[in-house]
PDB file of all heavy atoms in Angstrom:
ATOM      1  N   ASN A   1       0.840  -1.188   0.000  1.00  0.00           N
ATOM      2  CA  ASN A   1       0.000   0.000   0.000  1.00  0.00           C
ATOM      3  C   ASN A   1       0.879   1.244   0.000  1.00  0.00           C
ATOM      4  O   ASN A   1       1.820   1.334   0.785  1.00  0.00           O
ATOM      5  CB  ASN A   1      -0.909   0.034   1.227  1.00  0.00           C
ATOM      6  CG  ASN A   1      -2.004  -0.997   1.177  1.00  0.00           C
ATOM      7  OD1 ASN A   1      -2.520  -1.314   0.110  1.00  0.00           O
ATOM      8  ND2 ASN A   1      -2.384  -1.517   2.337  1.00  0.00           N
ATOM      9  N   TYR A   2       0.547   2.188  -0.862  1.00  0.00           N
ATOM     10  CA  TYR A   2       1.220   3.477  -0.898  1.00  0.00           C
ATOM     11  C   TYR A   2       0.197   4.584  -0.718  1.00  0.00           C
ATOM     12  O   TYR A   2      -0.919   4.504  -1.240  1.00  0.00           O
ATOM     13  CB  TYR A   2       1.932   3.714  -2.227  1.00  0.00           C
ATOM     14  CG  TYR A   2       3.149   2.878  -2.484  1.00  0.00           C
ATOM     15  CD1 TYR A   2       3.105   1.793  -3.344  1.00  0.00           C
ATOM     16  CD2 TYR A   2       4.368   3.191  -1.886  1.00  0.00           C
ATOM     17  CE1 TYR A   2       4.231   1.032  -3.598  1.00  0.00           C
ATOM     18  CE2 TYR A   2       5.500   2.434  -2.132  1.00  0.00           C
ATOM     19  CZ  TYR A   2       5.426   1.359  -2.989  1.00  0.00           C
ATOM     20  OH  TYR A   2       6.552   0.603  -3.242  1.00  0.00           O
ATOM     21  N   ALA A   3       0.595   5.616  -0.007  1.00  0.00           N
ATOM     22  CA  ALA A   3      -0.201   6.824  -0.002  1.00  0.00           C
ATOM     23  C   ALA A   3      -0.225   7.412  -1.402  1.00  0.00           C
ATOM     24  O   ALA A   3       0.765   7.337  -2.137  1.00  0.00           O
ATOM     25  CB  ALA A   3       0.374   7.842   0.978  1.00  0.00           C
ATOM     26  N   ASP A   4      -1.355   8.005  -1.773  1.00  0.00           N
ATOM     27  CA  ASP A   4      -1.463   8.589  -3.103  1.00  0.00           C
ATOM     28  C   ASP A   4      -0.382   9.633  -3.356  1.00  0.00           C
ATOM     29  O   ASP A   4       0.107   9.772  -4.482  1.00  0.00           O
ATOM     30  CB  ASP A   4      -2.838   9.228  -3.289  1.00  0.00           C
ATOM     31  CG  ASP A   4      -3.945   8.203  -3.422  1.00  0.00           C
ATOM     32  OD1 ASP A   4      -3.649   7.027  -3.727  1.00  0.00           O
ATOM     33  OD2 ASP A   4      -5.115   8.581  -3.227  1.00  0.00           O
ATOM     34  N   SER A   5       0.016  10.342  -2.323  1.00  0.00           N
ATOM     35  CA  SER A   5       0.974  11.413  -2.475  1.00  0.00           C
ATOM     36  C   SER A   5       2.388  10.937  -2.803  1.00  0.00           C
ATOM     37  O   SER A   5       3.215  11.732  -3.248  1.00  0.00           O
ATOM     38  CB  SER A   5       1.016  12.269  -1.203  1.00  0.00           C
ATOM     39  OG  SER A   5       1.399  11.491  -0.082  1.00  0.00           O
ATOM     40  N   VAL A   6       2.671   9.651  -2.591  1.00  0.00           N
ATOM     41  CA  VAL A   6       4.021   9.151  -2.831  1.00  0.00           C
ATOM     42  C   VAL A   6       4.081   8.119  -3.947  1.00  0.00           C
ATOM     43  O   VAL A   6       5.181   7.675  -4.308  1.00  0.00           O
ATOM     44  CB  VAL A   6       4.657   8.568  -1.556  1.00  0.00           C
ATOM     45  CG1 VAL A   6       4.583   9.567  -0.413  1.00  0.00           C
ATOM     46  CG2 VAL A   6       3.996   7.247  -1.162  1.00  0.00           C
ATOM     47  N   LYS A   7       2.951   7.735  -4.493  1.00  0.00           N
ATOM     48  CA  LYS A   7       2.938   6.746  -5.570  1.00  0.00           C
ATOM     49  C   LYS A   7       3.779   7.224  -6.750  1.00  0.00           C
ATOM     50  O   LYS A   7       3.684   8.369  -7.172  1.00  0.00           O
ATOM     51  CB  LYS A   7       1.507   6.468  -6.022  1.00  0.00           C
ATOM     52  CG  LYS A   7       0.698   5.631  -5.057  1.00  0.00           C
ATOM     53  CD  LYS A   7      -0.701   5.372  -5.590  1.00  0.00           C
ATOM     54  CE  LYS A   7      -1.500   4.511  -4.636  1.00  0.00           C
ATOM     55  NZ  LYS A   7      -2.886   4.296  -5.106  1.00  0.00           N
ATOM     56  N   GLY A   8       4.599   6.333  -7.248  1.00  0.00           N
ATOM     57  CA  GLY A   8       5.469   6.666  -8.358  1.00  0.00           C
ATOM     58  C   GLY A   8       6.773   7.291  -7.951  1.00  0.00           C
ATOM     59  O   GLY A   8       7.670   7.442  -8.789  1.00  0.00           O
ATOM     60  N   ARG A   9       6.908   7.663  -6.675  1.00  0.00           N
ATOM     61  CA  ARG A   9       8.130   8.293  -6.196  1.00  0.00           C
ATOM     62  C   ARG A   9       8.837   7.455  -5.131  1.00  0.00           C
ATOM     63  O   ARG A   9      10.072   7.423  -5.092  1.00  0.00           O
ATOM     64  CB  ARG A   9       7.836   9.674  -5.607  1.00  0.00           C
ATOM     65  CG  ARG A   9       7.239  10.654  -6.609  1.00  0.00           C
ATOM     66  CD  ARG A   9       7.174  12.063  -6.031  1.00  0.00           C
ATOM     67  NE  ARG A   9       6.298  12.138  -4.855  1.00  0.00           N
ATOM     68  CZ  ARG A   9       6.691  12.512  -3.647  1.00  0.00           C
ATOM     69  NH1 ARG A   9       7.963  12.860  -3.431  1.00  0.00           N
ATOM     70  NH2 ARG A   9       5.826  12.568  -2.642  1.00  0.00           N
ATOM     71  N   PHE A  10       8.067   6.818  -4.277  1.00  0.00           N
ATOM     72  CA  PHE A  10       8.629   6.021  -3.194  1.00  0.00           C
ATOM     73  C   PHE A  10       8.471   4.542  -3.509  1.00  0.00           C
ATOM     74  O   PHE A  10       7.480   4.122  -4.106  1.00  0.00           O
ATOM     75  CB  PHE A  10       7.926   6.309  -1.868  1.00  0.00           C
ATOM     76  CG  PHE A  10       8.172   7.670  -1.285  1.00  0.00           C
ATOM     77  CD1 PHE A  10       8.794   8.668  -2.013  1.00  0.00           C
ATOM     78  CD2 PHE A  10       7.773   7.943   0.009  1.00  0.00           C
ATOM     79  CE1 PHE A  10       9.014   9.928  -1.465  1.00  0.00           C
ATOM     80  CE2 PHE A  10       7.986   9.187   0.571  1.00  0.00           C
ATOM     81  CZ  PHE A  10       8.605  10.184  -0.159  1.00  0.00           C
ATOM     82  N   ASN A  11       9.431   3.761  -3.067  1.00  0.00           N
ATOM     83  CA  ASN A  11       9.382   2.320  -3.249  1.00  0.00           C
ATOM     84  C   ASN A  11       9.685   1.624  -1.929  1.00  0.00           C
ATOM     85  O   ASN A  11      10.710   1.904  -1.303  1.00  0.00           O
ATOM     86  CB  ASN A  11      10.386   1.859  -4.302  1.00  0.00           C
ATOM     87  CG  ASN A  11      10.088   2.409  -5.674  1.00  0.00           C
ATOM     88  OD1 ASN A  11       9.031   2.142  -6.240  1.00  0.00           O
ATOM     89  ND2 ASN A  11      11.016   3.178  -6.226  1.00  0.00           N
ATOM     90  N   ILE A  12       8.791   0.741  -1.514  1.00  0.00           N
ATOM     91  CA  ILE A  12       9.009  -0.032  -0.308  1.00  0.00           C
ATOM     92  C   ILE A  12       9.431  -1.448  -0.686  1.00  0.00           C
ATOM     93  O   ILE A  12       8.931  -2.024  -1.655  1.00  0.00           O
ATOM     94  CB  ILE A  12       7.750  -0.061   0.590  1.00  0.00           C
ATOM     95  CG1 ILE A  12       8.058  -0.696   1.942  1.00  0.00           C
ATOM     96  CG2 ILE A  12       6.586  -0.753  -0.098  1.00  0.00           C
ATOM     97  CD1 ILE A  12       6.931  -0.552   2.962  1.00  0.00           C
ATOM     98  N   SER A  13      10.354  -1.990   0.064  1.00  0.00           N
ATOM     99  CA  SER A  13      10.765  -3.370  -0.124  1.00  0.00           C
ATOM    100  C   SER A  13      11.017  -3.995   1.237  1.00  0.00           C
ATOM    101  O   SER A  13      11.223  -3.293   2.228  1.00  0.00           O
ATOM    102  CB  SER A  13      12.003  -3.476  -1.015  1.00  0.00           C
ATOM    103  OG  SER A  13      13.100  -2.785  -0.446  1.00  0.00           O
ATOM    104  N   ARG A  14      10.995  -5.307   1.272  1.00  0.00           N
ATOM    105  CA  ARG A  14      11.097  -6.011   2.545  1.00  0.00           C
ATOM    106  C   ARG A  14      11.956  -7.250   2.387  1.00  0.00           C
ATOM    107  O   ARG A  14      11.757  -8.033   1.457  1.00  0.00           O
ATOM    108  CB  ARG A  14       9.690  -6.372   3.036  1.00  0.00           C
ATOM    109  CG  ARG A  14       9.620  -7.075   4.359  1.00  0.00           C
ATOM    110  CD  ARG A  14       8.169  -7.225   4.798  1.00  0.00           C
ATOM    111  NE  ARG A  14       8.052  -8.089   5.953  1.00  0.00           N
ATOM    112  CZ  ARG A  14       6.925  -8.408   6.554  1.00  0.00           C
ATOM    113  NH1 ARG A  14       5.778  -7.910   6.095  1.00  0.00           N
ATOM    114  NH2 ARG A  14       6.913  -9.213   7.605  1.00  0.00           N
ATOM    115  N   ASP A  15      12.878  -7.413   3.306  1.00  0.00           N
ATOM    116  CA  ASP A  15      13.728  -8.586   3.353  1.00  0.00           C
ATOM    117  C   ASP A  15      13.307  -9.380   4.580  1.00  0.00           C
ATOM    118  O   ASP A  15      13.692  -9.055   5.705  1.00  0.00           O
ATOM    119  CB  ASP A  15      15.200  -8.187   3.427  1.00  0.00           C
ATOM    120  CG  ASP A  15      16.131  -9.374   3.322  1.00  0.00           C
ATOM    121  OD1 ASP A  15      15.737 -10.498   3.663  1.00  0.00           O
ATOM    122  OD2 ASP A  15      17.291  -9.174   2.885  1.00  0.00           O
ATOM    123  N   ASN A  16      12.514 -10.412   4.371  1.00  0.00           N
ATOM    124  CA  ASN A  16      11.984 -11.178   5.494  1.00  0.00           C
ATOM    125  C   ASN A  16      13.077 -11.916   6.259  1.00  0.00           C
ATOM    126  O   ASN A  16      12.990 -12.073   7.475  1.00  0.00           O
ATOM    127  CB  ASN A  16      10.932 -12.167   5.004  1.00  0.00           C
ATOM    128  CG  ASN A  16       9.686 -11.488   4.483  1.00  0.00           C
ATOM    129  OD1 ASN A  16       9.296 -10.432   4.967  1.00  0.00           O
ATOM    130  ND2 ASN A  16       9.052 -12.096   3.490  1.00  0.00           N
ATOM    131  N   ALA A  17      14.091 -12.377   5.554  1.00  0.00           N
ATOM    132  CA  ALA A  17      15.178 -13.093   6.212  1.00  0.00           C
ATOM    133  C   ALA A  17      15.926 -12.201   7.191  1.00  0.00           C
ATOM    134  O   ALA A  17      16.412 -12.668   8.222  1.00  0.00           O
ATOM    135  CB  ALA A  17      16.144 -13.666   5.179  1.00  0.00           C
ATOM    136  N   LYS A  18      16.019 -10.921   6.867  1.00  0.00           N
ATOM    137  CA  LYS A  18      16.707  -9.966   7.730  1.00  0.00           C
ATOM    138  C   LYS A  18      15.754  -9.176   8.610  1.00  0.00           C
ATOM    139  O   LYS A  18      16.201  -8.330   9.391  1.00  0.00           O
ATOM    140  CB  LYS A  18      17.530  -8.996   6.888  1.00  0.00           C
ATOM    141  CG  LYS A  18      18.649  -9.652   6.097  1.00  0.00           C
ATOM    142  CD  LYS A  18      19.425  -8.614   5.296  1.00  0.00           C
ATOM    143  CE  LYS A  18      20.560  -9.262   4.518  1.00  0.00           C
ATOM    144  NZ  LYS A  18      21.318  -8.260   3.720  1.00  0.00           N
ATOM    145  N   ASN A  19      14.449  -9.431   8.472  1.00  0.00           N
ATOM    146  CA  ASN A  19      13.432  -8.673   9.204  1.00  0.00           C
ATOM    147  C   ASN A  19      13.642  -7.173   9.041  1.00  0.00           C
ATOM    148  O   ASN A  19      13.599  -6.412  10.010  1.00  0.00           O
ATOM    149  CB  ASN A  19      13.426  -9.058  10.683  1.00  0.00           C
ATOM    150  CG  ASN A  19      12.911 -10.462  10.916  1.00  0.00           C
ATOM    151  OD1 ASN A  19      11.971 -10.904  10.251  1.00  0.00           O
ATOM    152  ND2 ASN A  19      13.513 -11.166  11.853  1.00  0.00           N
ATOM    153  N   THR A  20      13.848  -6.776   7.813  1.00  0.00           N
ATOM    154  CA  THR A  20      14.157  -5.392   7.504  1.00  0.00           C
ATOM    155  C   THR A  20      13.232  -4.871   6.414  1.00  0.00           C
ATOM    156  O   THR A  20      12.924  -5.592   5.465  1.00  0.00           O
ATOM    157  CB  THR A  20      15.619  -5.250   7.051  1.00  0.00           C
ATOM    158  OG1 THR A  20      16.484  -5.695   8.101  1.00  0.00           O
ATOM    159  CG2 THR A  20      15.952  -3.809   6.717  1.00  0.00           C
ATOM    160  N   VAL A  21      12.805  -3.633   6.569  1.00  0.00           N
ATOM    161  CA  VAL A  21      12.006  -2.973   5.552  1.00  0.00           C
ATOM    162  C   VAL A  21      12.738  -1.721   5.102  1.00  0.00           C
ATOM    163  O   VAL A  21      13.382  -1.043   5.906  1.00  0.00           O
ATOM    164  CB  VAL A  21      10.587  -2.648   6.069  1.00  0.00           C
ATOM    165  CG1 VAL A  21      10.623  -1.635   7.205  1.00  0.00           C
ATOM    166  CG2 VAL A  21       9.697  -2.159   4.933  1.00  0.00           C
ATOM    167  N   TYR A  22      12.642  -1.436   3.814  1.00  0.00           N
ATOM    168  CA  TYR A  22      13.331  -0.301   3.225  1.00  0.00           C
ATOM    169  C   TYR A  22      12.325   0.632   2.563  1.00  0.00           C
ATOM    170  O   TYR A  22      11.276   0.209   2.084  1.00  0.00           O
ATOM    171  CB  TYR A  22      14.340  -0.755   2.169  1.00  0.00           C
ATOM    172  CG  TYR A  22      15.321  -1.791   2.657  1.00  0.00           C
ATOM    173  CD1 TYR A  22      15.059  -3.153   2.507  1.00  0.00           C
ATOM    174  CD2 TYR A  22      16.516  -1.417   3.271  1.00  0.00           C
ATOM    175  CE1 TYR A  22      15.952  -4.107   2.954  1.00  0.00           C
ATOM    176  CE2 TYR A  22      17.414  -2.362   3.718  1.00  0.00           C
ATOM    177  CZ  TYR A  22      17.132  -3.707   3.559  1.00  0.00           C
ATOM    178  OH  TYR A  22      18.026  -4.647   4.008  1.00  0.00           O
ATOM    179  N   LEU A  23      12.670   1.889   2.523  1.00  0.00           N
ATOM    180  CA  LEU A  23      11.881   2.870   1.793  1.00  0.00           C
ATOM    181  C   LEU A  23      12.831   3.719   0.968  1.00  0.00           C
ATOM    182  O   LEU A  23      13.615   4.494   1.524  1.00  0.00           O
ATOM    183  CB  LEU A  23      11.066   3.751   2.740  1.00  0.00           C
ATOM    184  CG  LEU A  23      10.120   4.731   2.056  1.00  0.00           C
ATOM    185  CD1 LEU A  23       8.964   3.986   1.384  1.00  0.00           C
ATOM    186  CD2 LEU A  23       9.581   5.749   3.059  1.00  0.00           C
ATOM    187  N   GLN A  24      12.762   3.564  -0.340  1.00  0.00           N
ATOM    188  CA  GLN A  24      13.542   4.391  -1.244  1.00  0.00           C
ATOM    189  C   GLN A  24      12.673   5.555  -1.682  1.00  0.00           C
ATOM    190  O   GLN A  24      11.625   5.352  -2.290  1.00  0.00           O
ATOM    191  CB  GLN A  24      14.012   3.579  -2.452  1.00  0.00           C
ATOM    192  CG  GLN A  24      14.853   4.372  -3.439  1.00  0.00           C
ATOM    193  CD  GLN A  24      16.143   4.869  -2.821  1.00  0.00           C
ATOM    194  OE1 GLN A  24      16.828   4.129  -2.122  1.00  0.00           O
ATOM    195  NE2 GLN A  24      16.471   6.132  -3.073  1.00  0.00           N
TER     196      GLN A  24
END
């Protein structure tokens, strides 16, 4: 899910093995 205001600009990704989430 992305907020409408950030769609196309922000990218979320998740590494389950590392229990880490990223936001570019």
